[in-house]
Amino acid sequence: MYKRRSSRTVSVGDVKIGGDAPITVQSMLNAKTVDVEKCIKQIEELRAVGCDLIRIAVPDEQSCAAFGEIAARTGLPLIADVHYSYKLAHSALDNGAKKIRMNPGNMRDFGEIKSLAARLIDLNVPVRVGVNGGSLDPKYKGMDEARALCESALECANAFESQGMRDIVIAIKASDTQVNIAANRMLAAACDYPLHIGVTEAGTLRTGLIKSAIGIGTLLSEGIGDTIRVSLSADVKEEVLAGKKILQTLGIRKDAVEVVACPTCSRTEIDVSGLAERIEELTAGINAPIKISVLGCPLNGIGEGENSDIGIAGGKEKSVVMLNGKPYCTVENAQLMPTFEKLLRAKIQEYYKNEVK
């Protein structure tokens, strides 16, 4: 049975990480931070598919200023991703950052940590100590990689804690999935910090999804992980959709729509893949445990859709729409999606109405 590792709770604005808080799904903008309009558009797209936390790179002072405008206009608790410069970390705080991500691989001046910790404590803003395999402090080179990642992260976290700071999140990421798993297991056993997990540089959509599902899914199944990011060389929305799906598949997230679709065969008369993808897009931001089936033929589809709240069993010219596991109506294919969407809206309203009660 799934049992989550015990950890302290950290707040990023009004979003909580760790403790009893739900596991959050994060993403990071890939638009240039100085392109404010593009960043805001991307943020809205991420919110629409259910992203809980958003990180933005702040590589220079211009980006810090743009970060401030973005934060003010969206009203969201945004995370500033800082490398190399403590000055930029302070500037990001001046511009409304609700969490600072810093990498001890390239920010190793623990004297500077003292002043940064004081600012963070004063503003009630947490830090994420993010260690990556590709930017590890040279003094850890030659060690077992998993242990080196763990020790580097703990050394930096302890430096913040020594200044009286409690709001600390740790992330250890490597592109090697097995190293990633081993390092996070060590870390989980050694501290009570909330853990941000993911597989860095996971790759393209196909490869990245597989590596992330295994790397993140293995840790989550062991109760390790309080917030996740699926890193993909793809549309950032795919990161969020994949993260939610991993949580749903493990049974951790129960308030998400599930869309199942048949693999198709020569009996298939409708575009199963296209319909399923369209329905997933429609339901991406909906937090309701509704099961939907998209099946390619009436021959087996009606029976296979018995466990669905809403289903489609497609035919050449007409298709059967199912409701609560039983045939509801038969419609011309031109009316299939309008009929389906009407039933879906009713299902969602029914769920939310019952939840309020």
Protein backbone atom coordinates (compact mmCIF):
# COMPACT_ATOMS: atom_id res chain seq x y z
CA MET A 1 0.00 0.00 0.00
CA TYR A 2 1.27 3.47 -0.89
CA LYS A 3 2.63 5.39 2.09
CA ARG A 4 4.33 8.70 1.56
CA ARG A 5 7.56 9.55 3.32
CA SER A 6 7.16 12.03 6.18
CA SER A 7 8.52 15.52 5.50
CA ARG A 8 8.21 19.09 6.70
CA THR A 9 5.80 21.44 4.89
CA VAL A 10 7.02 24.38 2.80
CA SER A 11 4.79 27.07 1.30
CA VAL A 12 5.36 28.68 -2.09
CA GLY A 13 2.85 31.50 -1.88
CA ASP A 14 -0.41 29.68 -1.25
CA VAL A 15 0.85 26.36 -2.66
CA LYS A 16 2.17 23.86 -0.14
CA ILE A 17 4.88 21.26 -0.74
CA GLY A 18 5.49 18.31 1.56
CA GLY A 19 3.76 17.17 4.73
CA ASP A 20 0.17 16.17 3.99
CA ALA A 21 -0.16 18.47 0.97
CA PRO A 22 -1.03 16.85 -2.37
CA ILE A 23 1.93 16.12 -4.63
CA THR A 24 2.23 19.10 -6.95
CA VAL A 25 3.12 19.12 -10.65
CA GLN A 26 5.59 21.74 -11.89
CA SER A 27 6.89 22.98 -15.20
CA MET A 28 9.35 25.62 -16.41
CA LEU A 29 8.83 28.19 -19.13
CA ASN A 30 10.97 27.81 -22.23
CA ALA A 31 10.08 31.26 -23.58
CA LYS A 32 12.67 34.02 -23.11
CA THR A 33 11.90 35.70 -19.80
CA VAL A 34 12.26 39.17 -21.33
CA ASP A 35 9.42 38.31 -23.74
CA VAL A 36 6.74 39.07 -21.18
CA GLU A 37 3.72 38.53 -23.42
CA LYS A 38 4.95 35.14 -24.60
CA CYS A 39 5.70 34.10 -21.03
CA ILE A 40 2.23 35.09 -19.84
CA LYS A 41 0.65 33.20 -22.73
CA GLN A 42 2.66 30.11 -21.83
CA ILE A 43 1.72 30.44 -18.17
CA GLU A 44 -1.97 30.54 -19.06
CA GLU A 45 -1.54 27.44 -21.21
CA LEU A 46 0.14 25.64 -18.32
CA ARG A 47 -2.58 26.67 -15.87
CA ALA A 48 -5.25 25.41 -18.26
CA VAL A 49 -3.84 21.88 -18.12
CA GLY A 50 -3.47 21.88 -14.34
CA CYS A 51 0.08 23.06 -13.59
CA ASP A 52 0.52 23.80 -9.88
CA LEU A 53 3.85 25.65 -9.86
CA ILE A 54 5.81 27.46 -12.58
CA ARG A 55 9.53 28.22 -12.70
CA ILE A 56 11.14 30.96 -14.76
CA ALA A 57 14.83 31.46 -15.58
CA VAL A 58 16.42 34.73 -14.45
CA PRO A 59 19.83 34.82 -16.18
CA ASP A 60 20.31 38.61 -15.97
CA GLU A 61 18.91 41.85 -14.54
CA GLN A 62 16.63 42.42 -17.54
CA SER A 63 15.08 39.01 -16.91
CA CYS A 64 14.61 39.88 -13.22
CA ALA A 65 12.69 43.02 -14.17
CA ALA A 66 10.56 41.03 -16.63
CA PHE A 67 10.01 38.38 -13.92
CA GLY A 68 8.55 41.10 -11.71
CA GLU A 69 6.14 42.25 -14.41
CA ILE A 70 5.05 38.67 -15.11
CA ALA A 71 4.49 37.97 -11.42
CA ALA A 72 2.48 41.17 -10.98
CA ARG A 73 0.30 40.54 -14.01
CA THR A 74 -0.44 36.87 -13.35
CA GLY A 75 -0.75 37.03 -9.58
CA LEU A 76 0.85 33.58 -9.33
CA PRO A 77 3.54 32.36 -6.90
CA LEU A 78 6.40 32.05 -9.39
CA ILE A 79 9.77 30.34 -8.84
CA ALA A 80 12.95 32.12 -9.92
CA ASP A 81 15.64 29.85 -11.36
CA VAL A 82 19.05 31.35 -10.55
CA HIS A 83 22.54 30.20 -11.48
CA TYR A 84 25.98 31.65 -10.64
CA SER A 85 24.81 34.93 -9.11
CA TYR A 86 23.66 35.63 -5.55
CA LYS A 87 23.00 39.19 -6.69
CA LEU A 88 20.39 37.89 -9.15
CA ALA A 89 18.80 35.83 -6.39
CA HIS A 90 18.35 38.99 -4.31
CA SER A 91 17.06 40.86 -7.36
CA ALA A 92 14.53 38.10 -8.05
CA LEU A 93 13.29 38.46 -4.47
CA ASP A 94 12.95 42.21 -5.03
CA ASN A 95 10.78 41.37 -8.05
CA GLY A 96 8.35 39.10 -6.23
CA ALA A 97 9.82 35.59 -6.47
CA LYS A 98 8.00 33.23 -4.09
CA LYS A 99 10.75 30.61 -4.24
CA ILE A 100 14.39 30.66 -5.29
CA ARG A 101 16.00 27.71 -7.04
CA MET A 102 19.77 27.71 -6.71
CA ASN A 103 22.35 25.13 -7.77
CA PRO A 104 25.27 24.53 -5.38
CA GLY A 105 27.19 23.21 -8.36
CA ASN A 106 27.69 26.81 -9.52
CA MET A 107 26.78 28.78 -6.36
CA ARG A 108 29.23 27.49 -3.77
CA ASP A 109 30.01 30.58 -1.69
CA PHE A 110 28.54 29.65 1.66
CA GLY A 111 29.40 33.10 2.97
CA GLU A 112 26.88 34.50 0.50
CA ILE A 113 24.32 31.94 1.67
CA LYS A 114 24.21 33.69 5.06
CA SER A 115 22.85 36.94 3.61
CA LEU A 116 20.56 35.15 1.16
CA ALA A 117 19.13 33.01 3.96
CA ALA A 118 18.43 36.14 6.03
CA ARG A 119 16.45 37.67 3.13
CA LEU A 120 14.53 34.46 2.52
CA ILE A 121 13.62 34.13 6.20
CA ASP A 122 12.54 37.77 6.37
CA LEU A 123 10.33 37.42 3.29
CA ASN A 124 9.06 33.93 4.23
CA VAL A 125 10.28 32.59 0.88
CA PRO A 126 11.68 29.04 0.53
CA VAL A 127 14.75 27.89 -1.34
CA ARG A 128 15.08 24.86 -3.57
CA VAL A 129 18.57 23.40 -3.48
CA GLY A 130 18.72 21.85 -6.94
CA VAL A 131 21.67 19.57 -7.70
CA ASN A 132 22.16 18.26 -11.24
CA GLY A 133 24.52 15.53 -12.35
CA GLY A 134 25.83 17.72 -15.16
CA SER A 135 26.84 20.63 -12.91
CA LEU A 136 28.14 18.90 -9.79
CA ASP A 137 30.68 20.69 -7.58
CA PRO A 138 34.12 19.50 -8.79
CA LYS A 139 35.13 18.46 -5.28
CA TYR A 140 32.64 15.59 -5.53
CA LYS A 141 34.04 14.31 -8.80
CA GLY A 142 35.39 10.78 -8.57
CA MET A 143 32.88 9.71 -5.92
CA ASP A 144 30.02 7.34 -6.55
CA GLU A 145 27.70 9.65 -8.50
CA ALA A 146 24.54 8.97 -6.53
CA ARG A 147 26.33 9.57 -3.22
CA ALA A 148 28.05 12.67 -4.58
CA LEU A 149 24.70 14.18 -5.62
CA CYS A 150 23.21 13.42 -2.21
CA GLU A 151 26.13 14.82 -0.23
CA SER A 152 26.29 17.99 -2.32
CA ALA A 153 22.59 18.66 -1.80
CA LEU A 154 22.74 18.04 1.95
CA GLU A 155 25.84 20.19 2.39
CA CYS A 156 24.09 23.19 0.82
CA ALA A 157 20.78 22.57 2.61
CA ASN A 158 22.60 22.32 5.93
CA ALA A 159 24.30 25.65 5.21
CA PHE A 160 20.89 27.31 4.88
CA GLU A 161 19.57 25.49 7.94
CA SER A 162 22.57 26.63 9.99
CA GLN A 163 21.31 30.18 9.48
CA GLY A 164 17.96 29.28 11.04
CA MET A 165 16.15 28.59 7.78
CA ARG A 166 13.56 25.80 7.72
CA ASP A 167 11.79 26.36 4.40
CA ILE A 168 14.06 24.22 2.24
CA VAL A 169 13.22 21.88 -0.65
CA ILE A 170 15.85 19.61 -2.19
CA ALA A 171 16.01 18.31 -5.76
CA ILE A 172 18.52 15.78 -7.03
CA LYS A 173 18.36 15.07 -10.73
CA ALA A 174 20.50 13.08 -13.15
CA SER A 175 19.88 12.05 -16.73
CA ASP A 176 20.76 8.46 -15.82
CA THR A 177 17.51 7.08 -14.43
CA GLN A 178 19.13 4.49 -12.17
CA VAL A 179 21.57 7.00 -10.67
CA ASN A 180 18.64 9.35 -10.17
CA ILE A 181 16.66 6.71 -8.28
CA ALA A 182 19.61 5.67 -6.11
CA ALA A 183 20.50 9.26 -5.17
CA ASN A 184 16.94 10.14 -4.17
CA ARG A 185 16.62 6.98 -2.09
CA MET A 186 19.74 8.02 -0.17
CA LEU A 187 18.43 11.54 0.25
CA ALA A 188 15.00 10.40 1.42
CA ALA A 189 16.59 8.29 4.14
CA ALA A 190 18.89 11.10 5.30
CA CYS A 191 16.57 14.10 5.79
CA ASP A 192 13.02 15.35 6.26
CA TYR A 193 13.17 18.05 3.59
CA PRO A 194 10.40 17.97 0.97
CA LEU A 195 11.81 16.45 -2.22
CA HIS A 196 11.34 17.72 -5.76
CA ILE A 197 11.90 14.77 -8.10
CA GLY A 198 12.40 14.33 -11.83
CA VAL A 199 14.82 13.04 -14.44
CA THR A 200 16.81 15.90 -15.93
CA GLU A 201 17.61 16.07 -19.63
CA ALA A 202 15.21 13.17 -20.12
CA GLY A 203 15.03 13.79 -23.87
CA THR A 204 12.41 14.03 -26.58
CA LEU A 205 8.73 13.35 -26.00
CA ARG A 206 8.92 9.59 -26.52
CA THR A 207 12.21 8.89 -24.74
CA GLY A 208 11.60 11.49 -22.05
CA LEU A 209 8.19 10.11 -21.16
CA ILE A 210 9.57 6.59 -20.72
CA LYS A 211 12.57 7.68 -18.64
CA SER A 212 10.42 9.97 -16.51
CA ALA A 213 7.67 7.43 -15.97
CA ILE A 214 10.22 4.92 -14.70
CA GLY A 215 12.41 7.37 -12.79
CA ILE A 216 9.63 9.38 -11.16
CA GLY A 217 7.16 6.51 -10.91
CA THR A 218 9.61 4.22 -9.09
CA LEU A 219 10.34 6.85 -6.45
CA LEU A 220 6.71 7.83 -5.99
CA SER A 221 5.68 4.19 -5.60
CA GLU A 222 8.16 4.03 -2.70
CA GLY A 223 6.64 7.11 -1.08
CA ILE A 224 9.48 9.41 -2.17
CA GLY A 225 8.63 12.78 -3.72
CA ASP A 226 6.51 15.79 -2.78
CA THR A 227 6.55 17.74 -6.05
CA ILE A 228 7.49 16.59 -9.54
CA ARG A 229 8.61 17.91 -12.88
CA VAL A 230 8.72 15.85 -16.06
CA SER A 231 11.53 17.40 -18.13
CA LEU A 232 10.91 17.09 -21.86
CA SER A 233 12.32 18.58 -25.04
CA ALA A 234 8.74 19.26 -26.11
CA ASP A 235 5.80 21.58 -25.54
CA VAL A 236 5.80 22.41 -21.82
CA LYS A 237 2.14 21.42 -21.55
CA GLU A 238 3.24 17.84 -22.22
CA GLU A 239 5.31 17.96 -19.03
CA VAL A 240 2.25 18.74 -16.93
CA LEU A 241 0.00 16.23 -18.67
CA ALA A 242 2.62 13.52 -18.19
CA GLY A 243 3.14 14.41 -14.54
CA LYS A 244 -0.57 14.22 -13.80
CA LYS A 245 -0.81 10.92 -15.65
CA ILE A 246 2.05 9.40 -13.62
CA LEU A 247 0.30 10.39 -10.38
CA GLN A 248 -3.01 9.05 -11.66
CA THR A 249 -1.56 5.74 -12.86
CA LEU A 250 0.01 5.13 -9.44
CA GLY A 251 -3.33 5.82 -7.75
CA ILE A 252 -1.90 8.85 -5.94
CA ARG A 253 -4.05 11.37 -7.75
CA LYS A 254 -7.69 10.32 -7.74
CA ASP A 255 -9.38 13.52 -8.91
CA ALA A 256 -8.31 13.36 -12.55
CA VAL A 257 -10.15 12.37 -15.71
CA GLU A 258 -9.00 9.06 -17.18
CA VAL A 259 -9.32 8.50 -20.91
CA VAL A 260 -8.87 4.92 -22.12
CA ALA A 261 -8.78 4.00 -25.80
CA CYS A 262 -8.60 0.72 -27.67
CA PRO A 263 -5.47 -0.09 -29.71
CA THR A 264 -7.69 -0.44 -32.83
CA CYS A 265 -7.87 -3.24 -35.38
CA SER A 266 -9.34 -3.78 -38.85
CA ARG A 267 -12.86 -3.42 -37.40
CA THR A 268 -12.18 0.20 -36.41
CA GLU A 269 -14.46 2.69 -38.14
CA ILE A 270 -13.61 5.96 -36.36
CA ASP A 271 -10.47 7.97 -35.64
CA VAL A 272 -9.87 6.55 -32.16
CA SER A 273 -6.52 8.26 -31.64
CA GLY A 274 -7.76 11.65 -32.80
CA LEU A 275 -10.90 11.49 -30.67
CA ALA A 276 -9.00 10.33 -27.59
CA GLU A 277 -6.44 13.12 -27.94
CA ARG A 278 -9.15 15.72 -28.42
CA ILE A 279 -10.97 14.46 -25.31
CA GLU A 280 -7.74 14.51 -23.28
CA GLU A 281 -7.24 18.15 -24.29
CA LEU A 282 -10.82 19.00 -23.31
CA THR A 283 -10.44 17.41 -19.89
CA ALA A 284 -6.81 18.29 -19.09
CA GLY A 285 -7.61 20.89 -16.43
CA ILE A 286 -10.62 19.12 -14.92
CA ASN A 287 -10.21 17.69 -11.42
CA ALA A 288 -12.92 15.06 -11.38
CA PRO A 289 -12.61 11.23 -11.27
CA ILE A 290 -14.45 10.60 -14.52
CA LYS A 291 -13.55 7.59 -16.65
CA ILE A 292 -14.01 7.92 -20.41
CA SER A 293 -13.62 5.18 -23.00
CA VAL A 294 -13.02 5.68 -26.72
CA LEU A 295 -13.54 2.40 -28.55
CA GLY A 296 -13.27 1.72 -32.23
CA CYS A 297 -16.29 -0.46 -32.97
CA PRO A 298 -19.73 -1.36 -31.58
CA LEU A 299 -18.89 -5.09 -31.70
CA ASN A 300 -16.71 -5.13 -28.59
CA GLY A 301 -16.93 -1.50 -27.60
CA ILE A 302 -20.21 -1.67 -25.72
CA GLY A 303 -18.97 -4.45 -23.47
CA GLU A 304 -15.55 -2.89 -23.01
CA GLY A 305 -17.13 0.41 -22.02
CA GLU A 306 -19.15 -1.02 -19.13
CA ASN A 307 -16.75 0.42 -16.53
CA SER A 308 -16.77 3.92 -17.99
CA ASP A 309 -18.79 6.93 -16.92
CA ILE A 310 -19.00 8.07 -20.54
CA GLY A 311 -18.01 6.07 -23.58
CA ILE A 312 -17.94 6.01 -27.35
CA ALA A 313 -18.30 2.86 -29.41
CA GLY A 314 -17.66 4.03 -32.94
CA GLY A 315 -19.33 2.89 -36.15
CA LYS A 316 -18.84 3.73 -39.80
CA GLU A 317 -21.69 6.23 -40.08
CA LYS A 318 -23.23 6.15 -36.61
CA SER A 319 -21.73 5.60 -33.18
CA VAL A 320 -23.06 4.52 -29.81
CA VAL A 321 -22.60 6.93 -26.92
CA MET A 322 -22.54 5.26 -23.53
CA LEU A 323 -23.43 6.70 -20.15
CA ASN A 324 -22.73 5.00 -16.82
CA GLY A 325 -21.59 1.87 -18.63
CA LYS A 326 -24.72 1.42 -20.76
CA PRO A 327 -25.76 2.51 -24.27
CA TYR A 328 -27.34 5.95 -24.02
CA CYS A 329 -28.00 6.87 -27.64
CA THR A 330 -26.91 6.27 -31.21
CA VAL A 331 -25.94 9.35 -33.20
CA GLU A 332 -24.66 10.30 -36.63
CA ASN A 333 -20.88 10.66 -36.45
CA ALA A 334 -21.18 14.35 -37.28
CA GLN A 335 -23.04 14.75 -33.96
CA LEU A 336 -20.76 12.48 -31.95
CA MET A 337 -18.56 15.11 -30.28
CA PRO A 338 -21.36 17.63 -29.61
CA THR A 339 -23.37 14.88 -27.93
CA PHE A 340 -20.35 13.65 -26.00
CA GLU A 341 -19.37 17.13 -24.82
CA LYS A 342 -22.89 17.82 -23.57
CA LEU A 343 -22.85 14.63 -21.49
CA LEU A 344 -19.35 15.41 -20.24
CA ARG A 345 -20.36 18.86 -19.01
CA ALA A 346 -23.32 17.33 -17.21
CA LYS A 347 -21.06 14.72 -15.58
CA ILE A 348 -18.62 17.35 -14.40
CA GLN A 349 -21.40 19.53 -12.98
CA GLU A 350 -22.88 16.50 -11.24
CA TYR A 351 -19.52 15.67 -9.65
CA TYR A 352 -18.85 19.21 -8.41
CA LYS A 353 -22.42 19.53 -7.11
CA ASN A 354 -21.99 16.34 -5.06
CA GLU A 355 -18.58 17.47 -3.83
CA VAL A 356 -20.07 20.69 -2.46
CA LYS A 357 -22.58 18.63 -0.49
